[in-house]
């Protein structure tokens, strides 16, 4: 437990121990609803112009509390079903293969930014199809989401970016109301009146923002982090290539050691709560540090910072959350990562980093944990069945 200061001089508690975090994520005395449980927000001490305001002002299932959270999650889960995700597997594989062939067509010999050319394109295309997002909105959303997670943004940049995000999502909703399809946006619109529950227009927009932003940015980071870790640890990569470990093991260990979402803001103490020998006072704001939890030596040992695909506790991470707010898209992210890593490393067997691992530049964010760019040398391309070309 440590006191931290967020941009704009906003004070909070950061929780870094995995056991403490696990307990807080299931404690009904901890809320994510700023409108009900953060006096600094409701009293106006923190203005809507705060650079991180959009993280607490949205009203979706992640920021809801108690019965309200259960209502919203039930409605969203009715659209985001396991069946819908399972049906995506063949299409995810097709998209990944298209992108691998596209990589092979880039000029030979020059370093390639894998974040730009692959790891962002896969989740963007998958989510575009899942949500029914047309081409003209995809590029706008990519720019907006990058700004959404950049916690170094100025007040003016954050405000403009938030306005663009709402404008774009409202355009998508209007489009799908006029032309509904077999997509998640249309399904969310359709479930508004189920079981006597109703999503308000703001709840509909905010839940759409939540599902897209969380599904896009974290998967981009998961893919990039996993690639960088495997290339920086060739012995671990050899274990997976030889079959002594699975691609799923590499995915779980990457999630543990480099949580795609480093810190989650914010939660609030509904009443005084003792955690790790510290009392959170009613109304105190809390930052959950998933990045720290994954490297907690009390859970993962003194070598918790090392990448080990056969680590016994590799699946004991909290990178998809825990408890009532556990990520609905966890299975989709895992599927995308396993398909992408298997295809990439199988079809580009000589793939390597173009720079030393320590020179990779992190994103300008304490929320989103990834690389600004991921320069690699691809080497020869081996198609799925046809040999090197």
Protein backbone atom coordinates (compact mmCIF):
# COMPACT_ATOMS: atom_id res chain seq x y z
CA UNK A 1 0.00 0.00 0.00
CA UNK A 2 1.44 3.35 -1.00
CA UNK A 3 0.18 6.90 -1.44
CA UNK A 4 0.49 8.16 -5.01
CA UNK A 5 -0.35 11.38 -6.83
CA UNK A 6 -2.10 11.14 -10.19
CA UNK A 7 -1.96 13.81 -12.91
CA UNK A 8 -3.71 16.95 -11.78
CA UNK A 9 -2.57 16.46 -8.19
CA UNK A 10 -5.23 13.87 -7.36
CA UNK A 11 -4.22 11.67 -4.45
CA UNK A 12 -4.91 7.94 -4.22
CA UNK A 13 -3.74 4.69 -2.68
CA UNK A 14 -1.84 2.24 -4.90
CA UNK A 15 -2.25 -1.43 -4.01
CA UNK A 16 0.56 -3.65 -5.28
CA UNK A 17 0.36 -6.97 -3.42
CA UNK A 18 -1.43 -9.75 -5.29
CA UNK A 19 -3.18 -11.13 -2.21
CA UNK A 20 -4.31 -7.66 -1.15
CA UNK A 21 -5.56 -6.92 -4.67
CA UNK A 22 -7.42 -10.22 -4.90
CA UNK A 23 -9.16 -9.44 -1.60
CA UNK A 24 -10.11 -5.90 -2.66
CA UNK A 25 -11.53 -7.04 -6.01
CA UNK A 26 -14.11 -9.18 -4.23
CA UNK A 27 -14.81 -6.85 -1.28
CA UNK A 28 -18.30 -5.27 -1.48
CA UNK A 29 -16.93 -2.32 0.50
CA UNK A 30 -14.89 -1.31 -2.56
CA UNK A 31 -16.76 0.40 -5.41
CA UNK A 32 -15.97 1.67 -8.92
CA UNK A 33 -18.88 4.14 -8.98
CA UNK A 34 -17.46 7.65 -8.65
CA UNK A 35 -20.94 9.19 -8.64
CA UNK A 36 -21.93 7.26 -5.51
CA UNK A 37 -18.70 6.69 -3.63
CA UNK A 38 -16.05 9.31 -4.49
CA UNK A 39 -16.89 12.54 -2.63
CA UNK A 40 -14.02 14.40 -4.31
CA UNK A 41 -15.82 13.83 -7.63
CA UNK A 42 -19.41 14.40 -6.55
CA UNK A 43 -18.55 17.48 -4.47
CA UNK A 44 -16.77 19.08 -7.42
CA UNK A 45 -13.30 19.10 -5.84
CA UNK A 46 -12.19 17.28 -8.99
CA UNK A 47 -13.63 18.88 -12.10
CA UNK A 48 -14.80 17.29 -15.30
CA UNK A 49 -11.79 18.94 -16.94
CA UNK A 50 -9.42 16.63 -15.04
CA UNK A 51 -7.23 14.91 -17.70
CA UNK A 52 -8.30 11.45 -16.50
CA UNK A 53 -11.96 12.36 -16.05
CA UNK A 54 -13.22 10.02 -18.76
CA UNK A 55 -11.95 7.05 -16.74
CA UNK A 56 -14.39 7.85 -13.93
CA UNK A 57 -17.17 9.77 -15.70
CA UNK A 58 -18.28 6.92 -17.96
CA UNK A 59 -21.24 4.89 -16.73
CA UNK A 60 -20.80 1.31 -17.82
CA UNK A 61 -20.68 -2.11 -16.21
CA UNK A 62 -17.07 -1.60 -15.06
CA UNK A 63 -17.82 1.64 -13.20
CA UNK A 64 -21.12 0.39 -11.78
CA UNK A 65 -21.57 -0.97 -8.25
CA UNK A 66 -23.67 -3.68 -6.65
CA UNK A 67 -27.08 -4.38 -8.18
CA UNK A 68 -26.47 -1.78 -10.90
CA UNK A 69 -23.33 -3.62 -11.95
CA UNK A 70 -25.15 -6.95 -12.03
CA UNK A 71 -27.91 -5.43 -14.19
CA UNK A 72 -25.51 -3.96 -16.74
CA UNK A 73 -23.23 -7.00 -16.86
CA UNK A 74 -26.21 -9.28 -17.46
CA UNK A 75 -27.34 -7.15 -20.40
CA UNK A 76 -23.88 -6.94 -21.94
CA UNK A 77 -23.14 -10.63 -21.34
CA UNK A 78 -26.36 -11.48 -23.18
CA UNK A 79 -24.78 -9.97 -26.29
CA UNK A 80 -21.13 -10.95 -25.64
CA UNK A 81 -21.75 -14.69 -25.41
CA UNK A 82 -19.23 -17.54 -25.34
CA UNK A 83 -20.89 -18.89 -28.48
CA UNK A 84 -20.34 -15.61 -30.33
CA UNK A 85 -16.65 -15.67 -29.33
CA UNK A 86 -16.21 -19.35 -30.27
CA UNK A 87 -17.69 -18.73 -33.69
CA UNK A 88 -15.00 -16.12 -34.28
CA UNK A 89 -12.08 -18.60 -34.14
CA UNK A 90 -11.99 -19.48 -37.88
CA UNK A 91 -12.30 -15.82 -38.81
CA UNK A 92 -9.57 -14.79 -36.35
CA UNK A 93 -7.29 -17.41 -37.95
CA UNK A 94 -8.11 -16.09 -41.44
CA UNK A 95 -7.40 -12.49 -40.43
CA UNK A 96 -4.11 -13.49 -38.77
CA UNK A 97 -3.02 -15.39 -41.86
CA UNK A 98 -3.92 -12.46 -44.14
CA UNK A 99 -1.77 -10.20 -41.99
CA UNK A 100 1.15 -12.64 -42.01
CA UNK A 101 1.04 -12.76 -45.80
CA UNK A 102 0.89 -8.96 -45.79
CA UNK A 103 4.01 -8.88 -43.60
CA UNK A 104 5.80 -11.14 -46.06
CA UNK A 105 5.04 -8.64 -48.81
CA UNK A 106 6.85 -5.76 -47.09
CA UNK A 107 10.26 -4.73 -48.48
CA UNK A 108 12.85 -7.34 -47.54
CA UNK A 109 15.82 -6.48 -45.35
CA UNK A 110 14.39 -3.40 -43.63
CA UNK A 111 13.29 -3.49 -39.97
CA UNK A 112 9.52 -3.68 -39.50
CA UNK A 113 7.52 -2.08 -36.70
CA UNK A 114 5.51 -5.12 -35.67
CA UNK A 115 3.13 -3.03 -33.53
CA UNK A 116 2.24 -0.91 -36.54
CA UNK A 117 2.14 -3.73 -39.07
CA UNK A 118 0.68 -6.65 -37.10
CA UNK A 119 -0.11 -6.51 -33.40
CA UNK A 120 -2.50 -3.57 -33.68
CA UNK A 121 -4.03 -4.69 -36.98
CA UNK A 122 -5.21 -8.09 -35.73
CA UNK A 123 -7.39 -6.91 -32.80
CA UNK A 124 -8.53 -3.87 -34.80
CA UNK A 125 -9.84 -6.06 -37.63
CA UNK A 126 -11.29 -8.67 -35.28
CA UNK A 127 -13.12 -6.05 -33.23
CA UNK A 128 -14.25 -4.18 -36.34
CA UNK A 129 -16.02 -7.32 -37.51
CA UNK A 130 -17.28 -8.19 -34.03
CA UNK A 131 -18.77 -4.71 -33.54
CA UNK A 132 -19.76 -4.08 -37.17
CA UNK A 133 -17.47 -1.04 -37.52
CA UNK A 134 -17.12 0.24 -41.10
CA UNK A 135 -13.75 1.15 -42.59
CA UNK A 136 -14.16 4.91 -42.31
CA UNK A 137 -14.51 4.69 -38.51
CA UNK A 138 -11.67 2.22 -37.86
CA UNK A 139 -8.78 4.63 -38.44
CA UNK A 140 -10.47 7.31 -36.33
CA UNK A 141 -10.97 4.88 -33.48
CA UNK A 142 -7.35 3.78 -33.52
CA UNK A 143 -6.18 7.40 -33.14
CA UNK A 144 -8.76 8.10 -30.44
CA UNK A 145 -7.93 4.99 -28.39
CA UNK A 146 -4.22 5.86 -28.45
CA UNK A 147 -5.08 9.24 -26.94
CA UNK A 148 -7.49 7.67 -24.47
CA UNK A 149 -4.70 5.66 -22.82
CA UNK A 150 -1.99 8.36 -23.03
CA UNK A 151 -1.98 9.57 -19.44
CA UNK A 152 0.48 12.35 -20.24
CA UNK A 153 -2.20 14.16 -22.31
CA UNK A 154 -3.00 17.77 -21.49
CA UNK A 155 -6.43 18.87 -20.31
CA UNK A 156 -7.25 20.22 -23.78
CA UNK A 157 -6.06 17.05 -25.54
CA UNK A 158 -8.01 14.81 -23.18
CA UNK A 159 -11.20 16.84 -23.58
CA UNK A 160 -10.97 16.89 -27.39
CA UNK A 161 -10.19 13.19 -27.50
CA UNK A 162 -13.15 12.35 -25.26
CA UNK A 163 -15.48 14.38 -27.46
CA UNK A 164 -14.19 12.58 -30.57
CA UNK A 165 -14.71 9.21 -28.88
CA UNK A 166 -18.36 9.91 -28.05
CA UNK A 167 -19.00 11.38 -31.49
CA UNK A 168 -17.56 8.32 -33.22
CA UNK A 169 -19.41 5.80 -31.07
CA UNK A 170 -22.68 7.65 -31.56
CA UNK A 171 -22.11 7.51 -35.32
CA UNK A 172 -21.62 3.76 -35.05
CA UNK A 173 -24.83 3.37 -33.03
CA UNK A 174 -26.81 5.44 -35.53
CA UNK A 175 -25.45 3.33 -38.38
CA UNK A 176 -26.35 0.04 -36.70
CA UNK A 177 -29.81 1.29 -35.79
CA UNK A 178 -30.44 2.02 -39.46
CA UNK A 179 -28.72 -1.15 -40.68
CA UNK A 180 -28.64 -3.80 -37.91
CA UNK A 181 -26.52 -6.87 -38.54
CA UNK A 182 -25.07 -9.95 -36.87
CA UNK A 183 -22.64 -7.88 -34.81
CA UNK A 184 -22.17 -7.01 -31.15
CA UNK A 185 -23.28 -3.39 -31.54
CA UNK A 186 -26.60 -4.49 -33.03
CA UNK A 187 -26.94 -7.11 -30.29
CA UNK A 188 -26.34 -4.51 -27.56
CA UNK A 189 -29.03 -2.32 -29.06
CA UNK A 190 -31.39 -5.30 -29.21
CA UNK A 191 -30.97 -6.32 -25.55
CA UNK A 192 -31.86 -2.90 -24.15
CA UNK A 193 -35.39 -3.95 -23.23
CA UNK A 194 -34.81 -7.57 -22.23
CA UNK A 195 -36.11 -8.79 -18.86
CA UNK A 196 -37.66 -5.43 -18.07
CA UNK A 197 -34.20 -3.85 -17.78
CA UNK A 198 -33.23 -0.95 -19.95
CA UNK A 199 -29.92 0.56 -20.91
CA UNK A 200 -30.03 4.33 -21.06
CA UNK A 201 -28.51 5.89 -24.14
CA UNK A 202 -25.45 6.94 -22.14
CA UNK A 203 -25.08 3.43 -20.69
CA UNK A 204 -25.31 1.96 -24.18
CA UNK A 205 -22.62 4.31 -25.53
CA UNK A 206 -20.39 3.92 -22.46
CA UNK A 207 -20.57 0.12 -22.51
CA UNK A 208 -19.72 0.15 -26.19
CA UNK A 209 -16.71 2.37 -25.42
CA UNK A 210 -15.67 0.01 -22.62
CA UNK A 211 -15.87 -3.17 -24.71
CA UNK A 212 -14.02 -1.70 -27.67
CA UNK A 213 -11.27 0.16 -25.82
CA UNK A 214 -10.57 -2.71 -23.42
CA UNK A 215 -10.64 -5.31 -26.16
CA UNK A 216 -8.41 -3.36 -28.51
CA UNK A 217 -5.64 -1.77 -26.46
CA UNK A 218 -5.02 -4.64 -24.06
CA UNK A 219 -4.81 -7.20 -26.88
CA UNK A 220 -2.37 -5.02 -28.84
CA UNK A 221 -0.20 -4.88 -25.73
CA UNK A 222 -0.55 -8.58 -24.96
CA UNK A 223 0.61 -9.51 -28.46
CA UNK A 224 3.52 -7.06 -28.47
CA UNK A 225 4.66 -7.93 -24.96
CA UNK A 226 4.55 -11.66 -25.70
CA UNK A 227 6.56 -11.27 -28.91
CA UNK A 228 9.16 -9.08 -27.19
CA UNK A 229 9.48 -11.46 -24.23
CA UNK A 230 9.87 -14.54 -26.43
CA UNK A 231 12.48 -12.86 -28.63
CA UNK A 232 14.38 -11.56 -25.60
CA UNK A 233 14.35 -15.05 -24.05
CA UNK A 234 15.34 -17.49 -26.82
CA UNK A 235 15.54 -20.47 -24.46
CA UNK A 236 11.89 -19.96 -23.54
CA UNK A 237 10.95 -19.60 -27.21
CA UNK A 238 12.77 -22.87 -27.93
CA UNK A 239 10.67 -24.63 -25.26
CA UNK A 240 7.47 -23.57 -27.01
CA UNK A 241 8.71 -24.35 -30.51
CA UNK A 242 9.80 -27.82 -29.40
CA UNK A 243 6.43 -28.58 -27.82
CA UNK A 244 7.82 -28.76 -24.29
CA UNK A 245 5.56 -25.80 -23.52
CA UNK A 246 2.44 -24.57 -25.30
CA UNK A 247 1.71 -21.22 -26.93
CA UNK A 248 -0.97 -20.85 -24.27
CA UNK A 249 1.75 -21.12 -21.60
CA UNK A 250 3.65 -18.27 -23.26
CA UNK A 251 0.46 -16.18 -23.35
CA UNK A 252 -0.26 -16.72 -19.64
CA UNK A 253 3.31 -15.96 -18.61
CA UNK A 254 3.34 -12.81 -20.74
CA UNK A 255 0.08 -11.74 -19.09
CA UNK A 256 1.66 -12.30 -15.70
CA UNK A 257 5.03 -10.66 -16.14
CA UNK A 258 3.85 -7.75 -18.33
CA UNK A 259 0.19 -7.05 -17.54
CA UNK A 260 -1.29 -5.29 -20.63
CA UNK A 261 -3.23 -3.00 -18.32
CA UNK A 262 -0.64 -1.92 -15.76
CA UNK A 263 -2.81 0.07 -13.37
CA UNK A 264 -6.60 0.32 -13.07
CA UNK A 265 -8.16 3.61 -12.01
CA UNK A 266 -10.14 4.09 -9.88
CA UNK A 267 -11.92 2.30 -7.03
CA UNK A 268 -13.30 3.88 -3.86
CA UNK A 269 -13.78 2.80 -0.27
CA UNK A 270 -17.51 2.66 0.50
CA UNK A 271 -16.59 2.60 4.19
CA UNK A 272 -13.36 2.34 6.17
CA UNK A 273 -11.50 -0.77 5.00
CA UNK A 274 -8.27 -2.23 6.39
CA UNK A 275 -5.92 -3.58 3.73
CA UNK A 276 -2.35 -4.71 4.28
CA UNK A 277 -2.18 -3.01 7.66
CA UNK A 278 -3.44 0.30 6.22
CA UNK A 279 -6.92 1.74 6.69
CA UNK A 280 -8.58 3.07 3.55
CA UNK A 281 -10.88 5.82 4.77
CA UNK A 282 -14.38 6.09 3.37
CA UNK A 283 -14.17 7.89 0.02
CA UNK A 284 -10.46 7.22 -0.54
CA UNK A 285 -9.52 6.52 -4.16
CA UNK A 286 -7.62 3.33 -4.99
CA UNK A 287 -5.36 2.35 -7.90
CA UNK A 288 -5.09 -1.40 -8.53
CA UNK A 289 -1.61 -2.27 -9.84
CA UNK A 290 -1.97 -5.42 -11.94
CA UNK A 291 1.60 -4.98 -13.18
CA UNK A 292 2.90 -5.19 -9.62
CA UNK A 293 0.61 -8.10 -8.72
CA UNK A 294 2.06 -10.21 -11.52
CA UNK A 295 5.56 -9.72 -10.13
CA UNK A 296 4.72 -10.16 -6.45
CA UNK A 297 7.54 -12.31 -4.99
CA UNK A 298 5.21 -13.52 -2.24
CA UNK A 299 3.25 -15.38 -4.93
CA UNK A 300 5.72 -15.89 -7.77
CA UNK A 301 9.04 -16.19 -5.95
CA UNK A 302 12.20 -14.12 -5.94
CA UNK A 303 12.52 -14.53 -9.73
CA UNK A 304 9.04 -13.08 -10.32
CA UNK A 305 10.43 -10.58 -12.82
CA UNK A 306 11.76 -13.32 -15.11
CA UNK A 307 9.87 -14.79 -18.07
CA UNK A 308 9.45 -18.54 -17.55
CA UNK A 309 6.86 -20.30 -19.74
CA UNK A 310 6.89 -23.37 -17.47
CA UNK A 311 6.47 -21.40 -14.24
CA UNK A 312 4.07 -23.30 -12.00
CA UNK A 313 2.16 -20.13 -11.10
CA UNK A 314 2.02 -18.69 -14.63
CA UNK A 315 -1.81 -18.78 -14.64
CA UNK A 316 -2.08 -17.22 -11.18
CA UNK A 317 -2.20 -13.67 -12.48
CA UNK A 318 -4.89 -11.01 -12.28
CA UNK A 319 -4.37 -9.41 -15.68
CA UNK A 320 -8.01 -10.00 -16.64
CA UNK A 321 -9.17 -8.88 -13.20
CA UNK A 322 -10.86 -10.99 -10.56
CA UNK A 323 -14.29 -11.29 -9.03
CA UNK A 324 -17.44 -9.61 -10.35
CA UNK A 325 -15.52 -7.38 -12.78
CA UNK A 326 -13.57 -10.23 -14.43
CA UNK A 327 -13.04 -9.39 -18.11
CA UNK A 328 -15.80 -10.69 -20.40
CA UNK A 329 -13.36 -10.69 -23.32
CA UNK A 330 -10.63 -12.81 -21.69
CA UNK A 331 -11.30 -15.86 -23.87
CA UNK A 332 -11.24 -13.76 -27.04
CA UNK A 333 -7.92 -12.12 -26.10
CA UNK A 334 -6.35 -15.50 -25.30
CA UNK A 335 -7.62 -16.93 -28.59
CA UNK A 336 -6.22 -14.03 -30.62
CA UNK A 337 -2.85 -14.23 -28.87
CA UNK A 338 -2.40 -17.99 -29.29
CA UNK A 339 -3.36 -17.88 -32.97
CA UNK A 340 -1.17 -14.85 -33.66
CA UNK A 341 1.94 -16.10 -31.83
CA UNK A 342 1.77 -19.58 -33.31
CA UNK A 343 1.40 -18.24 -36.83
CA UNK A 344 4.01 -15.52 -36.49
CA UNK A 345 6.80 -17.65 -35.03
CA UNK A 346 6.05 -20.66 -37.23
CA UNK A 347 5.93 -18.76 -40.51
CA UNK A 348 8.80 -16.37 -39.69
CA UNK A 349 11.23 -18.83 -38.03
CA UNK A 350 14.16 -16.36 -38.13
CA UNK A 351 12.18 -13.50 -36.54
CA UNK A 352 14.31 -11.39 -34.19
CA UNK A 353 14.35 -7.99 -32.52
CA UNK A 354 16.01 -5.24 -34.54
CA UNK A 355 17.09 -3.43 -31.35
CA UNK A 356 18.27 -4.57 -27.91
CA UNK A 357 15.30 -5.44 -25.68
CA UNK A 358 16.24 -2.76 -23.16
CA UNK A 359 15.92 -0.04 -25.80
CA UNK A 360 12.24 -0.72 -26.52
CA UNK A 361 10.32 2.43 -25.56
CA UNK A 362 7.27 2.07 -23.30
CA UNK A 363 3.98 3.77 -24.03
CA UNK A 364 3.41 7.17 -22.44
CA UNK A 365 0.95 5.69 -19.99
CA UNK A 366 0.79 4.23 -16.50
CA UNK A 367 -2.48 2.51 -17.45
CA UNK A 368 -1.60 0.87 -20.75
CA UNK A 369 1.54 -1.31 -20.69
CA UNK A 370 3.11 -1.86 -24.09
CA UNK A 371 5.67 -0.50 -26.55
CA UNK A 372 5.46 2.59 -28.70
CA UNK A 373 6.98 0.54 -31.49
CA UNK A 374 8.31 -3.01 -31.83
CA UNK A 375 11.09 -3.07 -34.47
CA UNK A 376 11.91 -6.56 -35.74
CA UNK A 377 13.72 -8.27 -38.59
CA UNK A 378 11.33 -10.77 -40.10
CA UNK A 379 13.65 -13.06 -42.04
CA UNK A 380 12.33 -15.56 -44.61
CA UNK A 381 8.60 -16.26 -44.73
CA UNK A 382 7.38 -19.83 -44.53
CA UNK A 383 3.75 -20.08 -45.56
CA UNK A 384 1.37 -22.28 -43.56
CA UNK A 385 1.97 -25.34 -45.76
CA UNK A 386 4.13 -24.45 -48.72
CA UNK A 387 7.71 -24.03 -47.50
CA UNK A 388 9.98 -20.98 -47.50
CA UNK A 389 9.41 -18.26 -50.09
